[in-house]
Amino acid sequence: MSKVKSYFQDSYEELVTKTSWPSWAELQKTSVLVAVSSVIIALVIAGMDKLISTALELFYNLF
Protein backbone atom coordinates (compact mmCIF):
# COMPACT_ATOMS: atom_id res chain seq x y z
CA MET A 1 0.00 0.00 0.00
CA SER A 2 2.90 2.35 0.65
CA LYS A 3 4.01 1.90 -2.97
CA VAL A 4 0.65 3.18 -4.18
CA LYS A 5 0.82 6.17 -1.84
CA SER A 6 4.39 6.88 -2.93
CA TYR A 7 3.34 6.67 -6.57
CA PHE A 8 0.59 9.25 -6.12
CA GLN A 9 2.85 11.56 -4.12
CA ASP A 10 5.57 11.35 -6.76
CA SER A 11 3.04 11.90 -9.54
CA TYR A 12 1.62 14.96 -7.79
CA GLU A 13 5.09 16.38 -7.17
CA GLU A 14 6.07 15.93 -10.80
CA LEU A 15 2.82 17.50 -11.99
CA VAL A 16 3.21 20.55 -9.75
CA THR A 17 6.95 21.21 -9.73
CA LYS A 18 8.54 19.55 -12.75
CA THR A 19 5.96 20.20 -15.44
CA SER A 20 6.03 23.46 -17.36
CA TRP A 21 2.51 24.63 -18.12
CA PRO A 22 1.77 27.14 -20.89
CA SER A 23 0.54 30.60 -20.05
CA TRP A 24 -3.11 31.46 -20.64
CA ALA A 25 -2.23 33.57 -23.71
CA GLU A 26 -0.08 30.80 -25.18
CA LEU A 27 -2.84 28.26 -24.54
CA GLN A 28 -5.40 30.43 -26.34
CA LYS A 29 -3.04 31.06 -29.24
CA THR A 30 -2.29 27.37 -29.79
CA SER A 31 -5.96 26.42 -29.37
CA VAL A 32 -6.95 28.85 -32.13
CA LEU A 33 -4.15 27.48 -34.31
CA VAL A 34 -5.40 23.91 -33.81
CA ALA A 35 -9.01 24.91 -34.56
CA VAL A 36 -8.09 26.80 -37.74
CA SER A 37 -5.79 24.00 -38.91
CA SER A 38 -8.54 21.44 -38.31
CA VAL A 39 -11.03 23.43 -40.39
CA ILE A 40 -8.52 23.88 -43.22
CA ILE A 41 -7.65 20.17 -43.26
CA ALA A 42 -11.36 19.25 -43.19
CA LEU A 43 -12.02 21.55 -46.17
CA VAL A 44 -9.09 20.08 -48.11
CA ILE A 45 -10.30 16.53 -47.45
CA ALA A 46 -13.88 17.48 -48.40
CA GLY A 47 -12.62 19.06 -51.62
CA MET A 48 -10.53 16.01 -52.50
CA ASP A 49 -13.50 13.75 -51.77
CA LYS A 50 -15.78 15.81 -54.00
CA LEU A 51 -13.19 15.92 -56.79
CA ILE A 52 -12.56 12.17 -56.73
CA SER A 53 -16.29 11.44 -56.47
CA THR A 54 -17.03 13.64 -59.48
CA ALA A 55 -14.16 12.14 -61.48
CA LEU A 56 -15.31 8.59 -60.76
CA GLU A 57 -18.91 9.48 -61.58
CA LEU A 58 -17.83 10.90 -64.95
CA PHE A 59 -15.67 7.83 -65.59
CA TYR A 60 -18.47 5.39 -64.74
CA ASN A 61 -20.93 7.29 -66.95
CA LEU A 62 -18.66 6.64 -69.94
CA PHE A 63 -19.54 2.94 -69.83
C-alpha atoms as a PDB file:
ATOM      1  CA  MET A   1       0.000   0.000   0.000  1.00  0.00           C
ATOM      2  CA  SER A   2       2.898   2.350   0.647  1.00  0.00           C
ATOM      3  CA  LYS A   3       4.009   1.902  -2.971  1.00  0.00           C
ATOM      4  CA  VAL A   4       0.651   3.182  -4.176  1.00  0.00           C
ATOM      5  CA  LYS A   5       0.819   6.165  -1.835  1.00  0.00           C
ATOM      6  CA  SER A   6       4.386   6.882  -2.929  1.00  0.00           C
ATOM      7  CA  TYR A   7       3.338   6.665  -6.566  1.00  0.00           C
ATOM      8  CA  PHE A   8       0.592   9.254  -6.118  1.00  0.00           C
ATOM      9  CA  GLN A   9       2.853  11.555  -4.118  1.00  0.00           C
ATOM     10  CA  ASP A  10       5.568  11.353  -6.759  1.00  0.00           C
ATOM     11  CA  SER A  11       3.044  11.900  -9.538  1.00  0.00           C
ATOM     12  CA  TYR A  12       1.623  14.959  -7.793  1.00  0.00           C
ATOM     13  CA  GLU A  13       5.091  16.384  -7.168  1.00  0.00           C
ATOM     14  CA  GLU A  14       6.065  15.926 -10.802  1.00  0.00           C
ATOM     15  CA  LEU A  15       2.820  17.502 -11.990  1.00  0.00           C
ATOM     16  CA  VAL A  16       3.214  20.547  -9.749  1.00  0.00           C
ATOM     17  CA  THR A  17       6.950  21.211  -9.727  1.00  0.00           C
ATOM     18  CA  LYS A  18       8.543  19.553 -12.751  1.00  0.00           C
ATOM     19  CA  THR A  19       5.958  20.200 -15.441  1.00  0.00           C
ATOM     20  CA  SER A  20       6.035  23.463 -17.358  1.00  0.00           C
ATOM     21  CA  TRP A  21       2.514  24.628 -18.118  1.00  0.00           C
ATOM     22  CA  PRO A  22       1.770  27.136 -20.891  1.00  0.00           C
ATOM     23  CA  SER A  23       0.542  30.598 -20.046  1.00  0.00           C
ATOM     24  CA  TRP A  24      -3.114  31.461 -20.642  1.00  0.00           C
ATOM     25  CA  ALA A  25      -2.229  33.566 -23.707  1.00  0.00           C
ATOM     26  CA  GLU A  26      -0.081  30.798 -25.181  1.00  0.00           C
ATOM     27  CA  LEU A  27      -2.835  28.262 -24.545  1.00  0.00           C
ATOM     28  CA  GLN A  28      -5.403  30.434 -26.338  1.00  0.00           C
ATOM     29  CA  LYS A  29      -3.037  31.057 -29.244  1.00  0.00           C
ATOM     30  CA  THR A  30      -2.294  27.375 -29.791  1.00  0.00           C
ATOM     31  CA  SER A  31      -5.963  26.423 -29.370  1.00  0.00           C
ATOM     32  CA  VAL A  32      -6.951  28.846 -32.133  1.00  0.00           C
ATOM     33  CA  LEU A  33      -4.146  27.484 -34.305  1.00  0.00           C
ATOM     34  CA  VAL A  34      -5.395  23.913 -33.808  1.00  0.00           C
ATOM     35  CA  ALA A  35      -9.008  24.907 -34.557  1.00  0.00           C
ATOM     36  CA  VAL A  36      -8.088  26.796 -37.739  1.00  0.00           C
ATOM     37  CA  SER A  37      -5.793  23.995 -38.905  1.00  0.00           C
ATOM     38  CA  SER A  38      -8.544  21.440 -38.307  1.00  0.00           C
ATOM     39  CA  VAL A  39     -11.027  23.432 -40.388  1.00  0.00           C
ATOM     40  CA  ILE A  40      -8.518  23.878 -43.225  1.00  0.00           C
ATOM     41  CA  ILE A  41      -7.654  20.171 -43.261  1.00  0.00           C
ATOM     42  CA  ALA A  42     -11.356  19.254 -43.187  1.00  0.00           C
ATOM     43  CA  LEU A  43     -12.023  21.546 -46.165  1.00  0.00           C
ATOM     44  CA  VAL A  44      -9.088  20.078 -48.105  1.00  0.00           C
ATOM     45  CA  ILE A  45     -10.304  16.528 -47.452  1.00  0.00           C
ATOM     46  CA  ALA A  46     -13.881  17.476 -48.404  1.00  0.00           C
ATOM     47  CA  GLY A  47     -12.617  19.065 -51.625  1.00  0.00           C
ATOM     48  CA  MET A  48     -10.528  16.014 -52.495  1.00  0.00           C
ATOM     49  CA  ASP A  49     -13.498  13.747 -51.768  1.00  0.00           C
ATOM     50  CA  LYS A  50     -15.782  15.813 -54.004  1.00  0.00           C
ATOM     51  CA  LEU A  51     -13.186  15.922 -56.794  1.00  0.00           C
ATOM     52  CA  ILE A  52     -12.561  12.172 -56.725  1.00  0.00           C
ATOM     53  CA  SER A  53     -16.285  11.441 -56.472  1.00  0.00           C
ATOM     54  CA  THR A  54     -17.027  13.643 -59.483  1.00  0.00           C
ATOM     55  CA  ALA A  55     -14.155  12.140 -61.483  1.00  0.00           C
ATOM     56  CA  LEU A  56     -15.310   8.594 -60.758  1.00  0.00           C
ATOM     57  CA  GLU A  57     -18.909   9.483 -61.581  1.00  0.00           C
ATOM     58  CA  LEU A  58     -17.828  10.902 -64.953  1.00  0.00           C
ATOM     59  CA  PHE A  59     -15.667   7.828 -65.591  1.00  0.00           C
ATOM     60  CA  TYR A  60     -18.474   5.389 -64.742  1.00  0.00           C
ATOM     61  CA  ASN A  61     -20.927   7.286 -66.950  1.00  0.00           C
ATOM     62  CA  LEU A  62     -18.662   6.643 -69.945  1.00  0.00           C
ATOM     63  CA  PHE A  63     -19.539   2.942 -69.830  1.00  0.00           C
END
